[in-house]
Amino acid sequence: MRNTITKSKPKNRKLISEDIKKVFQQKTKENAVKEAKAFCKKWYIQEEKAIRSFRHNLEDCFTYFQFPEHLWRKIRTTNILEREFREVRRRRCRIKVFDNTFNHVQSINNYANSIFNNLN
């Protein structure tokens, strides 16, 4: 959703975000696909770049439908990963600025790999 919204024109972002939310609020995959097609049809002329972004790997975005509905909210969010990416970036920047968090570039690679392996 965020990728699509950021690739849209600023004047359309609010309307696009309202419409795109409807896609992911559907109760079945079939309804979500129908809503996605309607969304693409509505916005393609004005926001071709955003719609291309939206359609890229869209099928993967519907994976959560394979799980029980009470888990959907946790599956759809990327907050856990985003937090870890931010932490890795923050610590990587320290090696450049302060040079006291990690002694070697391999150290930060090991740290990042251990975080992501743990999450997997």
C-alpha atoms as a PDB file:
ATOM      1  CA  MET A   1       0.000   0.000   0.000  1.00  0.00           C
ATOM      2  CA  ARG A   2       2.717   2.441   0.967  1.00  0.00           C
ATOM      3  CA  ASN A   3       4.685   1.835  -2.219  1.00  0.00           C
ATOM      4  CA  THR A   4       1.624   2.563  -4.328  1.00  0.00           C
ATOM      5  CA  ILE A   5       0.712   5.677  -2.374  1.00  0.00           C
ATOM      6  CA  THR A   6       4.229   7.119  -2.508  1.00  0.00           C
ATOM      7  CA  LYS A   7       4.355   6.617  -6.282  1.00  0.00           C
ATOM      8  CA  SER A   8       1.123   8.546  -6.764  1.00  0.00           C
ATOM      9  CA  LYS A   9       0.770  12.278  -7.242  1.00  0.00           C
ATOM     10  CA  PRO A  10       0.457  14.217  -3.968  1.00  0.00           C
ATOM     11  CA  LYS A  11      -2.963  15.598  -4.903  1.00  0.00           C
ATOM     12  CA  ASN A  12      -4.356  12.038  -5.316  1.00  0.00           C
ATOM     13  CA  ARG A  13      -2.717  10.333  -2.343  1.00  0.00           C
ATOM     14  CA  LYS A  14      -5.608  10.660   0.080  1.00  0.00           C
ATOM     15  CA  LEU A  15      -8.138   9.291  -2.409  1.00  0.00           C
ATOM     16  CA  ILE A  16      -5.827   6.487  -3.487  1.00  0.00           C
ATOM     17  CA  SER A  17      -5.160   5.469   0.099  1.00  0.00           C
ATOM     18  CA  GLU A  18      -8.904   5.288   0.778  1.00  0.00           C
ATOM     19  CA  ASP A  19      -9.480   3.164  -2.330  1.00  0.00           C
ATOM     20  CA  ILE A  20      -6.531   0.849  -1.792  1.00  0.00           C
ATOM     21  CA  LYS A  21      -7.606   0.110   1.778  1.00  0.00           C
ATOM     22  CA  LYS A  22     -10.858  -1.281   0.407  1.00  0.00           C
ATOM     23  CA  VAL A  23      -8.864  -3.931  -1.463  1.00  0.00           C
ATOM     24  CA  PHE A  24      -7.240  -5.282   1.688  1.00  0.00           C
ATOM     25  CA  GLN A  25     -10.362  -5.028   3.839  1.00  0.00           C
ATOM     26  CA  GLN A  26     -12.209  -7.674   1.846  1.00  0.00           C
ATOM     27  CA  LYS A  27     -13.215 -10.915   3.572  1.00  0.00           C
ATOM     28  CA  THR A  28     -12.327 -13.238   0.679  1.00  0.00           C
ATOM     29  CA  LYS A  29      -9.538 -13.370  -1.859  1.00  0.00           C
ATOM     30  CA  GLU A  30     -12.037 -13.334  -4.714  1.00  0.00           C
ATOM     31  CA  ASN A  31     -13.560 -10.079  -3.470  1.00  0.00           C
ATOM     32  CA  ALA A  32     -10.107  -8.601  -2.944  1.00  0.00           C
ATOM     33  CA  VAL A  33      -9.149  -9.451  -6.537  1.00  0.00           C
ATOM     34  CA  LYS A  34     -12.358  -7.865  -7.835  1.00  0.00           C
ATOM     35  CA  GLU A  35     -11.740  -4.752  -5.752  1.00  0.00           C
ATOM     36  CA  ALA A  36      -8.115  -4.628  -6.954  1.00  0.00           C
ATOM     37  CA  LYS A  37      -9.240  -4.761 -10.589  1.00  0.00           C
ATOM     38  CA  ALA A  38     -11.751  -1.972  -9.971  1.00  0.00           C
ATOM     39  CA  PHE A  39      -9.039   0.066  -8.231  1.00  0.00           C
ATOM     40  CA  CYS A  40      -6.633  -0.394 -11.161  1.00  0.00           C
ATOM     41  CA  LYS A  41      -9.299   0.473 -13.701  1.00  0.00           C
ATOM     42  CA  LYS A  42     -10.281   3.619 -11.809  1.00  0.00           C
ATOM     43  CA  TRP A  43      -6.766   5.004 -11.349  1.00  0.00           C
ATOM     44  CA  TYR A  44      -4.736   3.674 -14.295  1.00  0.00           C
ATOM     45  CA  ILE A  45      -5.126   6.751 -16.512  1.00  0.00           C
ATOM     46  CA  GLN A  46      -4.225   9.281 -13.807  1.00  0.00           C
ATOM     47  CA  GLU A  47      -1.689   7.204 -11.871  1.00  0.00           C
ATOM     48  CA  GLU A  48      -0.078   4.732 -14.238  1.00  0.00           C
ATOM     49  CA  LYS A  49       3.184   4.552 -12.267  1.00  0.00           C
ATOM     50  CA  ALA A  50       1.353   3.897  -8.988  1.00  0.00           C
ATOM     51  CA  ILE A  51      -0.851   1.225 -10.521  1.00  0.00           C
ATOM     52  CA  ARG A  52       2.155  -0.573 -12.016  1.00  0.00           C
ATOM     53  CA  SER A  53       3.663  -0.591  -8.537  1.00  0.00           C
ATOM     54  CA  PHE A  54       0.410  -1.885  -7.057  1.00  0.00           C
ATOM     55  CA  ARG A  55       0.104  -4.715  -9.576  1.00  0.00           C
ATOM     56  CA  HIS A  56       3.724  -5.819  -9.126  1.00  0.00           C
ATOM     57  CA  ASN A  57       3.581  -9.053  -7.060  1.00  0.00           C
ATOM     58  CA  LEU A  58      -0.001  -8.311  -6.034  1.00  0.00           C
ATOM     59  CA  GLU A  59      -0.764 -12.024  -5.792  1.00  0.00           C
ATOM     60  CA  ASP A  60       1.859 -12.346  -3.043  1.00  0.00           C
ATOM     61  CA  CYS A  61       0.058  -9.643  -1.070  1.00  0.00           C
ATOM     62  CA  PHE A  62      -2.973 -11.912  -0.798  1.00  0.00           C
ATOM     63  CA  THR A  63      -1.110 -14.745   0.932  1.00  0.00           C
ATOM     64  CA  TYR A  64      -2.762 -13.892   4.231  1.00  0.00           C
ATOM     65  CA  PHE A  65      -6.063 -15.278   2.906  1.00  0.00           C
ATOM     66  CA  GLN A  66      -4.601 -18.782   3.332  1.00  0.00           C
ATOM     67  CA  PHE A  67      -4.603 -18.338   7.115  1.00  0.00           C
ATOM     68  CA  PRO A  68      -7.359 -17.955   9.725  1.00  0.00           C
ATOM     69  CA  GLU A  69      -8.885 -14.487   9.760  1.00  0.00           C
ATOM     70  CA  HIS A  70      -7.777 -13.708  13.317  1.00  0.00           C
ATOM     71  CA  LEU A  71      -4.143 -13.830  12.114  1.00  0.00           C
ATOM     72  CA  TRP A  72      -4.582 -11.565   9.087  1.00  0.00           C
ATOM     73  CA  ARG A  73      -3.711  -8.335  10.869  1.00  0.00           C
ATOM     74  CA  LYS A  74      -0.403  -9.735  12.107  1.00  0.00           C
ATOM     75  CA  ILE A  75       0.451 -11.252   8.737  1.00  0.00           C
ATOM     76  CA  ARG A  76      -0.351  -8.131   6.718  1.00  0.00           C
ATOM     77  CA  THR A  77       1.809  -5.814   8.781  1.00  0.00           C
ATOM     78  CA  THR A  78       5.539  -5.467   8.296  1.00  0.00           C
ATOM     79  CA  ASN A  79       6.148  -3.533  11.505  1.00  0.00           C
ATOM     80  CA  ILE A  80       8.392  -6.212  13.001  1.00  0.00           C
ATOM     81  CA  LEU A  81      10.650  -6.275   9.947  1.00  0.00           C
ATOM     82  CA  GLU A  82      10.614  -2.515   9.551  1.00  0.00           C
ATOM     83  CA  ARG A  83      11.743  -2.074  13.138  1.00  0.00           C
ATOM     84  CA  GLU A  84      14.652  -4.466  12.638  1.00  0.00           C
ATOM     85  CA  PHE A  85      15.677  -2.855   9.340  1.00  0.00           C
ATOM     86  CA  ARG A  86      15.689   0.536  11.078  1.00  0.00           C
ATOM     87  CA  GLU A  87      17.850  -0.846  13.890  1.00  0.00           C
ATOM     88  CA  VAL A  88      20.350  -2.373  11.469  1.00  0.00           C
ATOM     89  CA  ARG A  89      20.518   0.900   9.523  1.00  0.00           C
ATOM     90  CA  ARG A  90      21.009   2.869  12.730  1.00  0.00           C
ATOM     91  CA  ARG A  91      23.850   0.651  13.864  1.00  0.00           C
ATOM     92  CA  ARG A  92      25.395   0.570  10.385  1.00  0.00           C
ATOM     93  CA  CYS A  93      25.502   4.353  10.402  1.00  0.00           C
ATOM     94  CA  ARG A  94      27.293   4.301  13.734  1.00  0.00           C
ATOM     95  CA  ILE A  95      30.155   2.329  12.249  1.00  0.00           C
ATOM     96  CA  LYS A  96      30.638   5.147   9.773  1.00  0.00           C
ATOM     97  CA  VAL A  97      30.157   8.030  12.191  1.00  0.00           C
ATOM     98  CA  PHE A  98      31.367   6.915  15.613  1.00  0.00           C
ATOM     99  CA  ASP A  99      33.357   3.827  14.670  1.00  0.00           C
ATOM    100  CA  ASN A 100      32.650   2.314  18.080  1.00  0.00           C
ATOM    101  CA  THR A 101      29.649  -0.001  17.630  1.00  0.00           C
ATOM    102  CA  PHE A 102      31.232  -2.510  15.256  1.00  0.00           C
ATOM    103  CA  ASN A 103      34.913  -2.919  14.593  1.00  0.00           C
ATOM    104  CA  HIS A 104      34.575  -4.452  11.151  1.00  0.00           C
ATOM    105  CA  VAL A 105      32.079  -4.460   8.314  1.00  0.00           C
ATOM    106  CA  GLN A 106      31.802  -8.236   8.770  1.00  0.00           C
ATOM    107  CA  SER A 107      30.595  -7.585  12.334  1.00  0.00           C
ATOM    108  CA  ILE A 108      27.577  -5.655  11.144  1.00  0.00           C
ATOM    109  CA  ASN A 109      26.862  -8.288   8.497  1.00  0.00           C
ATOM    110  CA  ASN A 110      26.945 -10.970  11.192  1.00  0.00           C
ATOM    111  CA  TYR A 111      24.632  -8.873  13.367  1.00  0.00           C
ATOM    112  CA  ALA A 112      22.131  -8.287  10.549  1.00  0.00           C
ATOM    113  CA  ASN A 113      22.178 -11.950   9.523  1.00  0.00           C
ATOM    114  CA  SER A 114      21.551 -13.108  13.085  1.00  0.00           C
ATOM    115  CA  ILE A 115      18.590 -10.719  13.456  1.00  0.00           C
ATOM    116  CA  PHE A 116      16.965 -11.819  10.217  1.00  0.00           C
ATOM    117  CA  ASN A 117      17.672 -15.518  10.794  1.00  0.00           C
ATOM    118  CA  ASN A 118      16.051 -15.198  14.204  1.00  0.00           C
ATOM    119  CA  LEU A 119      12.985 -13.553  12.672  1.00  0.00           C
ATOM    120  CA  ASN A 120      12.754 -16.297  10.045  1.00  0.00           C
END
